[in-house]
């Protein structure tokens, strides 16, 4: 039984192609994650200022309502 030449050629092409398909070393590093932002950086200060502003507005409204 004789092997046809095209099968031998196909086997040689497959073996040589698979030899070159092997990666050379580790993959490149991925994209670095974005920097994290602090959630509570100035929340306490903002709430304090907002509370002071609310008291100021309530005080100004009450001054306008009081008769002189």
N, C-alpha and C. Protein backbone atom coordinates (compact mmCIF):
# COMPACT_ATOMS: atom_id res chain seq x y z
N UNK A 1 0.84 -1.17 0.00
CA UNK A 1 0.00 0.00 0.00
C UNK A 1 0.90 1.24 0.00
N UNK A 2 0.59 2.09 -0.89
CA UNK A 2 1.40 3.28 -1.07
C UNK A 2 0.62 4.51 -0.61
N UNK A 3 1.30 5.47 0.11
CA UNK A 3 0.67 6.70 0.59
C UNK A 3 0.76 7.72 -0.54
N UNK A 4 -0.36 8.35 -0.88
CA UNK A 4 -0.31 9.36 -1.95
C UNK A 4 0.54 10.56 -1.54
N UNK A 5 1.19 11.20 -2.50
CA UNK A 5 2.09 12.32 -2.20
C UNK A 5 1.37 13.52 -1.58
N UNK A 6 0.11 13.72 -1.94
CA UNK A 6 -0.58 14.87 -1.38
C UNK A 6 -0.84 14.70 0.12
N UNK A 7 -1.03 13.49 0.61
CA UNK A 7 -1.19 13.26 2.05
C UNK A 7 0.12 13.52 2.79
N UNK A 8 1.22 13.13 2.21
CA UNK A 8 2.52 13.40 2.83
C UNK A 8 2.75 14.90 2.88
N UNK A 9 2.44 15.59 1.79
CA UNK A 9 2.59 17.05 1.76
C UNK A 9 1.70 17.71 2.81
N UNK A 10 0.47 17.24 2.93
CA UNK A 10 -0.45 17.81 3.93
C UNK A 10 0.05 17.58 5.35
N UNK A 11 0.58 16.43 5.62
CA UNK A 11 1.10 16.12 6.96
C UNK A 11 2.31 17.00 7.26
N UNK A 12 3.21 17.19 6.30
CA UNK A 12 4.38 18.04 6.51
C UNK A 12 3.98 19.50 6.72
N UNK A 13 3.00 19.98 5.97
CA UNK A 13 2.54 21.36 6.14
C UNK A 13 1.92 21.53 7.52
N UNK A 14 1.11 20.57 7.95
CA UNK A 14 0.46 20.65 9.26
C UNK A 14 1.49 20.66 10.38
N UNK A 15 2.50 19.81 10.31
CA UNK A 15 3.53 19.73 11.36
C UNK A 15 4.35 21.02 11.38
N UNK A 16 4.72 21.54 10.23
CA UNK A 16 5.53 22.77 10.22
C UNK A 16 4.70 23.98 10.67
N UNK A 17 3.43 24.01 10.31
CA UNK A 17 2.58 25.12 10.73
C UNK A 17 2.34 25.09 12.24
N UNK A 18 2.18 23.92 12.80
CA UNK A 18 1.95 23.83 14.24
C UNK A 18 3.22 24.14 15.03
N UNK A 19 4.40 23.93 14.43
CA UNK A 19 5.65 24.25 15.11
C UNK A 19 5.83 25.77 15.21
N UNK A 20 5.37 26.51 14.21
CA UNK A 20 5.50 27.96 14.23
C UNK A 20 4.39 28.64 15.01
N UNK A 21 3.33 27.92 15.32
CA UNK A 21 2.18 28.51 16.01
C UNK A 21 2.37 28.56 17.52
N UNK A 22 3.45 27.98 18.05
CA UNK A 22 3.70 27.98 19.48
C UNK A 22 4.14 29.38 19.91
N UNK A 23 3.49 29.98 20.91
CA UNK A 23 3.88 31.34 21.33
C UNK A 23 5.27 31.35 21.97
N UNK A 24 5.97 32.43 21.79
CA UNK A 24 7.33 32.58 22.32
C UNK A 24 7.31 33.43 23.59
N UNK A 25 7.07 32.86 24.73
CA UNK A 25 7.10 33.58 26.00
C UNK A 25 5.71 33.95 26.49
N UNK A 26 5.67 34.68 27.59
CA UNK A 26 4.38 35.04 28.18
C UNK A 26 3.68 36.13 27.36
N UNK A 27 2.38 36.21 27.48
CA UNK A 27 1.65 37.24 26.73
C UNK A 27 1.97 38.63 27.29
N UNK A 28 1.77 39.66 26.50
CA UNK A 28 2.06 41.02 26.98
C UNK A 28 1.09 41.40 28.10
N UNK A 29 1.53 42.28 28.99
CA UNK A 29 0.64 42.67 30.10
C UNK A 29 -0.56 43.45 29.57
N UNK A 30 -1.67 43.32 30.29
CA UNK A 30 -2.89 44.00 29.88
C UNK A 30 -2.87 45.47 30.21
N UNK A 31 -3.96 46.13 29.91
CA UNK A 31 -4.10 47.56 30.18
C UNK A 31 -4.25 47.75 31.69
N UNK A 32 -3.52 48.69 32.29
CA UNK A 32 -3.63 48.88 33.74
C UNK A 32 -5.01 49.45 34.08
N UNK A 33 -5.52 49.11 35.25
CA UNK A 33 -6.84 49.63 35.63
C UNK A 33 -6.78 51.13 35.89
N UNK A 34 -7.91 51.81 35.74
CA UNK A 34 -7.90 53.25 36.00
C UNK A 34 -7.69 53.52 37.49
N UNK A 35 -7.13 54.69 37.81
CA UNK A 35 -6.89 54.97 39.23
C UNK A 35 -8.21 55.12 39.98
N UNK A 36 -8.21 54.63 41.20
CA UNK A 36 -9.41 54.74 42.02
C UNK A 36 -9.58 56.13 42.58
N UNK A 37 -10.79 56.57 42.65
CA UNK A 37 -11.07 57.89 43.19
C UNK A 37 -11.71 57.74 44.57
N UNK A 38 -11.31 58.58 45.53
CA UNK A 38 -11.92 58.47 46.85
C UNK A 38 -13.38 58.94 46.81
N UNK A 39 -14.24 58.19 47.44
CA UNK A 39 -15.65 58.53 47.45
C UNK A 39 -15.94 59.56 48.53
N UNK A 40 -15.29 59.42 49.66
CA UNK A 40 -15.60 60.29 50.79
C UNK A 40 -14.52 61.34 51.02
N UNK A 41 -13.94 61.85 49.95
CA UNK A 41 -12.85 62.82 50.06
C UNK A 41 -13.25 64.08 50.81
N UNK A 42 -14.37 64.69 50.49
CA UNK A 42 -14.78 65.92 51.14
C UNK A 42 -16.26 65.93 51.48
N UNK A 43 -16.82 64.75 51.63
CA UNK A 43 -18.26 64.65 51.87
C UNK A 43 -18.64 65.28 53.20
N UNK A 44 -17.86 65.07 54.23
CA UNK A 44 -18.18 65.62 55.55
C UNK A 44 -18.14 67.15 55.50
N UNK A 45 -17.13 67.69 54.86
CA UNK A 45 -17.03 69.15 54.75
C UNK A 45 -18.19 69.69 53.93
N UNK A 46 -18.53 69.02 52.83
CA UNK A 46 -19.65 69.45 51.99
C UNK A 46 -20.96 69.42 52.78
N UNK A 47 -21.20 68.38 53.55
CA UNK A 47 -22.43 68.31 54.34
C UNK A 47 -22.47 69.42 55.39
N UNK A 48 -21.35 69.71 56.01
CA UNK A 48 -21.30 70.78 57.02
C UNK A 48 -21.60 72.14 56.38
N UNK A 49 -21.00 72.41 55.22
CA UNK A 49 -21.24 73.67 54.52
C UNK A 49 -22.69 73.74 54.06
N UNK A 50 -23.24 72.65 53.56
CA UNK A 50 -24.64 72.63 53.14
C UNK A 50 -25.57 72.87 54.32
N UNK A 51 -25.27 72.33 55.48
CA UNK A 51 -26.08 72.54 56.67
C UNK A 51 -26.02 74.00 57.11
N UNK A 52 -24.82 74.58 57.09
CA UNK A 52 -24.70 76.00 57.42
C UNK A 52 -25.48 76.87 56.43
N UNK A 53 -25.41 76.56 55.17
CA UNK A 53 -26.14 77.32 54.16
C UNK A 53 -27.65 77.19 54.35
N UNK A 54 -28.12 76.01 54.71
CA UNK A 54 -29.55 75.81 54.97
C UNK A 54 -30.00 76.64 56.17
N UNK A 55 -29.23 76.65 57.24
CA UNK A 55 -29.58 77.47 58.41
C UNK A 55 -29.58 78.96 58.05
N UNK A 56 -28.62 79.38 57.22
CA UNK A 56 -28.55 80.76 56.78
C UNK A 56 -29.80 81.14 55.98
N UNK A 57 -30.20 80.28 55.05
CA UNK A 57 -31.38 80.57 54.24
C UNK A 57 -32.65 80.60 55.09
N UNK A 58 -32.79 79.68 56.03
CA UNK A 58 -33.96 79.67 56.91
C UNK A 58 -33.98 80.94 57.75
N UNK A 59 -32.85 81.36 58.25
CA UNK A 59 -32.75 82.58 59.05
C UNK A 59 -33.15 83.79 58.22
N UNK A 60 -32.66 83.89 56.97
CA UNK A 60 -33.00 85.03 56.10
C UNK A 60 -34.49 85.04 55.79
N UNK A 61 -35.11 83.88 55.57
CA UNK A 61 -36.54 83.82 55.29
C UNK A 61 -37.34 84.26 56.51
N UNK A 62 -36.92 83.85 57.70
CA UNK A 62 -37.65 84.23 58.90
C UNK A 62 -37.51 85.73 59.19
N UNK A 63 -36.38 86.32 58.87
CA UNK A 63 -36.19 87.75 59.07
C UNK A 63 -37.15 88.54 58.14
N UNK A 64 -37.34 88.07 56.92
CA UNK A 64 -38.23 88.74 55.98
C UNK A 64 -39.68 88.64 56.45
N UNK A 65 -40.06 87.57 57.14
CA UNK A 65 -41.44 87.38 57.57
C UNK A 65 -41.79 88.17 58.83
N UNK A 66 -40.81 88.48 59.63
CA UNK A 66 -41.11 89.20 60.89
C UNK A 66 -41.42 90.65 60.59
N UNK A 67 -42.52 91.19 61.15
CA UNK A 67 -42.85 92.60 60.92
C UNK A 67 -41.96 93.50 61.78
N UNK A 68 -41.64 94.65 61.28
CA UNK A 68 -40.82 95.62 62.00
C UNK A 68 -41.63 96.68 62.61
